[in-house]
Amino acid sequence: MVAVVLLVALAVIAAGLTLMISLRPNGSPGAVTQTASPEPDAASSPASPTPPTPDATPTTTPTTEPSLVPPPEPSPTVPGTTTAAPPALPFPEPLLGQDITSIPGAGKQIALTFDGGANAAGLQSILSTLERENVRATFFLTGTWAAANPDGVARIVASGHRLGNHSMTHPAFTQLTDPMIADEIGRAESAIVAAGGSPRPFFRFPFGDRDARTINTVNGLGYVPVRWSVDTLGWQGTSGGMTRESVLQQVLGGLQPGGIVLMHIGSNPDDGSTLDADALPLVIEGTRSAGFGFVTLDALLAG
């Protein structure tokens, strides 16, 4: 009985194997292999990046982009300082480094100049004479004079005369530092401008006191120093032994082409005389008789 059961079981197993073999592809058995891990899905998983070739040439020319760096802005200007590009000189370059004593190329022309620093005692007489004789002159004013005589400044300008800067308080410039010089000139300019005039670019050193440093400093402030070729000495007054006639002889004795004559507006502090104002009609007549005419210092700017 047991034997019969075993035979039946073997027959069933044999039939099952036969059926499995018949169901394999191509009807042939394959070798048994180890199950591999599934391949990653190329569509859903990123591939490892390929490093670019260093010398690869782009297939298209890139569009030029505008610079992302803004252009440099100009430096702010600080009052009292010079800019990176200084303005052009207000006078010819050959006048640099000099305290001018004559007008080059002026021929038989001279310039009458009047310094104003003390008082205005001779101003009305001077302006009347110049108007009557149709002569134009140059007036060098201190800032204190301009501040004390704004109507005088206005009358000088209205009469067609030229102005120059004579410092604020009339100190000796060789005793001043450069910043002190700038202060003296700057305050004088402000006072003259406030009174309705413009002193640039002419400057006269108080007492004629100057050296190479002070001349260069004045140039750096936009001014050309103007000295003189003859001093009338009228400022010495009658107490100093001067007269109208001696003033005239000073001028006539120093006449030269392009000469610059120094006279003064104010009175002598000791005797109250105004010899330059008193002698002016004689000076104009004598100068013309000697064959000379008159110009303002603007002739210096002709180059």
Protein backbone atom coordinates (compact mmCIF):
# COMPACT_ATOMS: atom_id res chain seq x y z
CA MET A 1 0.00 0.00 0.00
CA VAL A 2 2.85 2.45 0.89
CA ALA A 3 4.63 1.59 -2.31
CA VAL A 4 1.61 2.48 -4.37
CA VAL A 5 1.38 5.94 -2.76
CA LEU A 6 5.06 6.66 -3.45
CA LEU A 7 4.70 5.72 -7.08
CA VAL A 8 1.75 8.05 -7.51
CA ALA A 9 3.67 10.96 -5.91
CA LEU A 10 6.66 10.45 -8.15
CA ALA A 11 4.41 10.38 -11.19
CA VAL A 12 2.83 13.72 -10.19
CA ILE A 13 6.25 15.37 -9.66
CA ALA A 14 7.50 14.13 -13.03
CA ALA A 15 4.44 15.53 -14.79
CA GLY A 16 4.93 18.95 -13.12
CA LEU A 17 8.54 19.19 -14.24
CA THR A 18 7.63 18.33 -17.78
CA LEU A 19 4.99 21.07 -17.81
CA MET A 20 7.44 23.74 -16.46
CA ILE A 21 10.05 22.89 -19.10
CA SER A 22 7.51 23.23 -21.86
CA LEU A 23 6.54 26.77 -20.68
CA ARG A 24 10.16 28.32 -20.84
CA PRO A 25 10.98 30.68 -23.78
CA ASN A 26 12.36 28.91 -26.84
CA GLY A 27 11.64 25.71 -24.95
CA SER A 28 15.17 25.51 -23.60
CA PRO A 29 16.26 25.83 -20.02
CA GLY A 30 18.31 28.87 -18.92
CA ALA A 31 21.09 28.98 -16.43
CA VAL A 32 20.23 30.13 -12.96
CA THR A 33 21.51 33.70 -12.35
CA GLN A 34 21.69 36.03 -9.37
CA THR A 35 18.98 38.70 -9.36
CA ALA A 36 20.65 42.13 -10.09
CA SER A 37 19.67 45.45 -8.58
CA PRO A 38 17.35 47.38 -10.89
CA GLU A 39 18.99 50.08 -13.21
CA PRO A 40 18.22 53.62 -12.24
CA ASP A 41 15.58 55.33 -14.38
CA ALA A 42 17.50 57.61 -16.74
CA ALA A 43 14.45 59.81 -17.14
CA SER A 44 14.00 60.45 -13.45
CA SER A 45 17.55 60.34 -12.05
CA PRO A 46 20.17 62.97 -12.94
CA ALA A 47 23.28 61.83 -14.67
CA SER A 48 26.68 62.77 -13.35
CA PRO A 49 27.73 66.17 -14.85
CA THR A 50 30.39 66.07 -17.51
CA PRO A 51 33.19 68.59 -16.78
CA PRO A 52 33.54 71.19 -19.53
CA THR A 53 36.52 71.11 -21.84
CA PRO A 54 38.84 73.99 -20.77
CA ASP A 55 39.62 75.24 -24.26
CA ALA A 56 36.20 74.69 -25.73
CA THR A 57 35.19 77.44 -28.16
CA PRO A 58 31.64 78.74 -27.79
CA THR A 59 29.45 78.11 -30.79
CA THR A 60 27.85 81.59 -30.50
CA THR A 61 29.33 85.03 -29.84
CA PRO A 62 28.08 86.33 -26.51
CA THR A 63 26.29 89.68 -26.50
CA THR A 64 28.39 92.47 -24.99
CA GLU A 65 26.97 93.38 -21.62
CA PRO A 66 27.14 96.97 -20.30
CA SER A 67 29.69 97.51 -17.57
CA LEU A 68 28.29 96.87 -14.14
CA VAL A 69 30.89 99.23 -12.62
CA PRO A 70 29.52 102.79 -12.48
CA PRO A 71 31.78 105.54 -13.83
CA PRO A 72 33.75 107.38 -11.15
CA GLU A 73 31.95 110.40 -9.78
CA PRO A 74 33.81 113.72 -9.65
CA SER A 75 35.35 114.52 -6.32
CA PRO A 76 33.32 117.04 -4.34
CA THR A 77 34.74 120.56 -4.33
CA VAL A 78 35.64 121.81 -0.89
CA PRO A 79 35.54 125.61 -0.47
CA GLY A 80 39.03 127.06 -0.32
CA THR A 81 40.66 124.09 -2.11
CA THR A 82 41.66 123.59 -5.70
CA THR A 83 40.01 120.98 -7.90
CA ALA A 84 41.85 118.15 -9.66
CA ALA A 85 41.76 120.15 -12.90
CA PRO A 86 42.53 123.76 -11.99
CA PRO A 87 40.87 126.46 -14.06
CA ALA A 88 42.79 128.29 -16.75
CA LEU A 89 44.93 131.21 -15.64
CA PRO A 90 43.07 134.54 -15.74
CA PHE A 91 46.22 136.17 -17.14
CA PRO A 92 48.95 135.21 -19.64
CA GLU A 93 51.35 132.53 -18.40
CA PRO A 94 54.49 134.68 -19.01
CA LEU A 95 53.32 136.89 -16.13
CA LEU A 96 53.76 134.04 -13.63
CA GLY A 97 56.46 134.42 -11.00
CA GLN A 98 56.80 138.19 -11.45
CA ASP A 99 55.90 141.38 -9.65
CA ILE A 100 55.21 143.37 -12.82
CA THR A 101 56.93 146.76 -13.10
CA SER A 102 55.95 147.67 -16.67
CA ILE A 103 53.52 146.69 -19.43
CA PRO A 104 55.34 144.76 -22.17
CA GLY A 105 54.64 145.99 -25.68
CA ALA A 106 52.60 149.00 -24.55
CA GLY A 107 54.77 151.48 -26.45
CA LYS A 108 54.45 155.11 -25.37
CA GLN A 109 51.57 154.36 -23.00
CA ILE A 110 51.64 154.45 -19.20
CA ALA A 111 49.22 153.26 -16.53
CA LEU A 112 48.15 155.53 -13.68
CA THR A 113 47.45 153.49 -10.55
CA PHE A 114 46.08 154.65 -7.19
CA ASP A 115 46.34 152.77 -3.89
CA GLY A 116 43.47 153.08 -1.43
CA GLY A 117 44.11 151.97 2.13
CA ALA A 118 44.02 154.95 4.49
CA ASN A 119 41.12 157.26 3.72
CA ALA A 120 39.22 158.65 0.74
CA ALA A 121 40.26 162.30 1.14
CA GLY A 122 41.52 162.71 -2.43
CA LEU A 123 39.03 160.48 -4.25
CA GLN A 124 36.54 163.08 -5.45
CA SER A 125 39.30 165.32 -6.84
CA ILE A 126 40.99 162.36 -8.56
CA LEU A 127 37.78 161.10 -10.18
CA SER A 128 36.86 164.60 -11.34
CA THR A 129 40.26 165.15 -12.96
CA LEU A 130 40.27 161.74 -14.66
CA GLU A 131 36.75 162.34 -16.00
CA ARG A 132 37.60 165.79 -17.29
CA GLU A 133 40.77 164.55 -19.01
CA ASN A 134 39.13 161.35 -20.30
CA VAL A 135 41.75 159.13 -18.66
CA ARG A 136 41.09 155.68 -17.21
CA ALA A 137 43.14 154.42 -14.27
CA THR A 138 43.48 151.36 -12.01
CA PHE A 139 42.63 151.54 -8.29
CA PHE A 140 44.15 149.04 -5.83
CA LEU A 141 41.89 148.89 -2.78
CA THR A 142 42.25 147.21 0.59
CA GLY A 143 39.26 145.32 1.93
CA THR A 144 39.00 147.68 4.88
CA TRP A 145 38.91 150.69 2.51
CA ALA A 146 36.23 149.07 0.36
CA ALA A 147 34.12 148.17 3.42
CA ALA A 148 34.42 151.72 4.79
CA ASN A 149 33.79 153.38 1.39
CA PRO A 150 31.31 151.28 -0.59
CA ASP A 151 30.02 154.42 -2.32
CA GLY A 152 33.61 155.21 -3.32
CA VAL A 153 33.97 151.76 -4.89
CA ALA A 154 30.71 152.28 -6.74
CA ARG A 155 31.85 155.66 -8.09
CA ILE A 156 35.18 154.28 -9.26
CA VAL A 157 33.46 151.45 -11.13
CA ALA A 158 30.74 153.70 -12.54
CA SER A 159 33.43 156.02 -13.93
CA GLY A 160 34.90 153.17 -15.97
CA HIS A 161 38.06 152.55 -13.98
CA ARG A 162 39.70 149.21 -13.15
CA LEU A 163 40.06 147.71 -9.67
CA GLY A 164 42.78 145.62 -8.05
CA ASN A 165 43.25 143.78 -4.74
CA HIS A 166 45.55 145.40 -2.15
CA SER A 167 44.94 142.87 0.70
CA MET A 168 42.48 143.17 3.56
CA THR A 169 44.51 144.94 6.25
CA HIS A 170 47.74 146.01 4.46
CA PRO A 171 50.28 143.77 6.27
CA ALA A 172 53.83 142.93 5.17
CA PHE A 173 53.32 139.74 3.17
CA THR A 174 56.75 138.22 3.68
CA GLN A 175 55.86 137.92 7.38
CA LEU A 176 52.71 135.89 6.62
CA THR A 177 52.22 132.16 6.11
CA ASP A 178 50.56 130.98 2.90
CA PRO A 179 47.17 130.40 4.61
CA MET A 180 47.37 133.90 6.08
CA ILE A 181 48.06 135.33 2.63
CA ALA A 182 45.06 133.47 1.24
CA ASP A 183 42.91 134.88 4.03
CA GLU A 184 44.08 138.46 3.41
CA ILE A 185 43.44 138.25 -0.32
CA GLY A 186 40.18 136.33 -0.01
CA ARG A 187 38.62 138.70 2.52
CA ALA A 188 39.68 141.76 0.52
CA GLU A 189 38.14 140.29 -2.62
CA SER A 190 34.90 139.58 -0.78
CA ALA A 191 34.74 143.15 0.56
CA ILE A 192 35.37 144.66 -2.88
CA VAL A 193 32.81 142.39 -4.54
CA ALA A 194 30.27 143.24 -1.82
CA ALA A 195 30.77 146.92 -2.68
CA GLY A 196 30.05 146.23 -6.35
CA GLY A 197 33.53 145.81 -7.82
CA SER A 198 35.78 143.04 -9.11
CA PRO A 199 39.53 143.12 -8.34
CA ARG A 200 40.68 140.08 -10.31
CA PRO A 201 43.28 139.39 -11.54
CA PHE A 202 45.40 142.32 -10.29
CA PHE A 203 47.10 142.43 -6.90
CA ARG A 204 49.54 144.86 -5.31
CA PHE A 205 51.72 143.93 -2.34
CA PRO A 206 51.37 146.29 0.65
CA PHE A 207 54.60 148.29 1.05
CA GLY A 208 55.86 146.47 -2.05
CA ASP A 209 56.98 143.73 0.35
CA ARG A 210 57.35 140.43 -1.52
CA ASP A 211 59.64 137.53 -2.36
CA ALA A 212 59.52 134.47 -4.64
CA ARG A 213 57.32 132.51 -2.21
CA THR A 214 54.71 135.23 -1.77
CA ILE A 215 54.59 135.91 -5.52
CA ASN A 216 53.97 132.22 -6.22
CA THR A 217 51.30 132.08 -3.53
CA VAL A 218 49.51 135.07 -5.02
CA ASN A 219 49.71 133.45 -8.48
CA GLY A 220 48.18 130.30 -7.03
CA LEU A 221 45.21 132.35 -5.84
CA GLY A 222 44.56 133.55 -9.39
CA TYR A 223 46.24 136.96 -9.17
CA VAL A 224 49.16 138.61 -10.95
CA PRO A 225 51.16 141.01 -8.73
CA VAL A 226 51.63 144.49 -10.17
CA ARG A 227 54.33 146.78 -8.82
CA TRP A 228 55.32 150.15 -10.36
CA SER A 229 58.10 151.74 -12.35
CA VAL A 230 57.83 155.12 -10.61
CA ASP A 231 56.54 156.23 -7.20
CA THR A 232 55.39 159.87 -7.02
CA LEU A 233 56.24 159.98 -3.28
CA GLY A 234 53.18 162.20 -2.85
CA TRP A 235 52.23 160.06 0.13
CA GLN A 236 55.11 161.66 2.09
CA GLY A 237 53.11 164.89 2.19
CA THR A 238 54.28 168.42 2.70
CA SER A 239 55.66 167.40 6.07
CA GLY A 240 57.98 165.06 4.20
CA GLY A 241 59.23 167.84 1.94
CA MET A 242 57.08 167.04 -1.11
CA THR A 243 55.07 169.49 -3.26
CA ARG A 244 52.81 169.28 -6.32
CA GLU A 245 55.78 170.21 -8.50
CA SER A 246 58.04 167.57 -7.00
CA VAL A 247 55.33 164.95 -7.62
CA LEU A 248 55.20 166.04 -11.27
CA GLN A 249 58.97 165.83 -11.62
CA GLN A 250 58.97 162.33 -10.12
CA VAL A 251 56.58 161.16 -12.84
CA LEU A 252 58.22 162.94 -15.75
CA GLY A 253 61.65 161.79 -14.66
CA GLY A 254 60.50 158.15 -14.59
CA LEU A 255 58.52 158.05 -17.86
CA GLN A 256 59.20 154.93 -19.92
CA PRO A 257 57.23 152.87 -22.46
CA GLY A 258 54.68 150.74 -20.59
CA GLY A 259 55.48 152.42 -17.30
CA ILE A 260 53.29 152.06 -14.19
CA VAL A 261 52.88 155.11 -11.94
CA LEU A 262 52.11 154.68 -8.23
CA MET A 263 49.89 157.34 -6.60
CA HIS A 264 47.61 157.35 -3.53
CA ILE A 265 43.98 158.25 -2.82
CA GLY A 266 44.30 159.18 0.86
CA SER A 267 45.82 162.08 2.71
CA ASN A 268 49.08 162.17 4.62
CA PRO A 269 48.27 161.19 8.24
CA ASP A 270 50.45 163.96 9.71
CA ASP A 271 49.66 167.03 7.61
CA GLY A 272 46.44 166.03 5.82
CA SER A 273 47.83 166.93 2.38
CA THR A 274 46.61 165.15 -0.77
CA LEU A 275 49.52 165.90 -3.07
CA ASP A 276 48.82 163.13 -5.62
CA ALA A 277 45.27 164.36 -6.13
CA ASP A 278 46.47 167.97 -6.31
CA ALA A 279 49.26 167.22 -8.80
CA LEU A 280 47.21 164.91 -11.05
CA PRO A 281 46.16 167.60 -13.60
CA LEU A 282 49.82 168.59 -14.01
CA VAL A 283 50.88 164.92 -14.31
CA ILE A 284 48.38 164.23 -17.11
CA GLU A 285 49.32 167.40 -19.00
CA GLY A 286 53.07 166.81 -18.65
CA THR A 287 52.79 163.15 -19.67
CA ARG A 288 50.89 164.03 -22.81
CA SER A 289 53.35 166.80 -23.64
CA ALA A 290 56.10 164.16 -23.50
CA GLY A 291 54.26 162.15 -26.16
CA PHE A 292 52.73 159.49 -23.89
CA GLY A 293 49.14 158.30 -23.54
CA PHE A 294 47.29 156.36 -20.85
CA VAL A 295 46.02 152.78 -20.49
CA THR A 296 44.66 150.65 -17.68
CA LEU A 297 46.40 147.49 -16.51
CA ASP A 298 44.08 145.45 -18.73
CA ALA A 299 46.77 146.05 -21.35
CA LEU A 300 48.75 143.41 -19.44
CA LEU A 301 46.12 140.81 -20.33
CA ALA A 302 46.56 141.30 -24.06
CA GLY A 303 49.41 138.81 -23.88
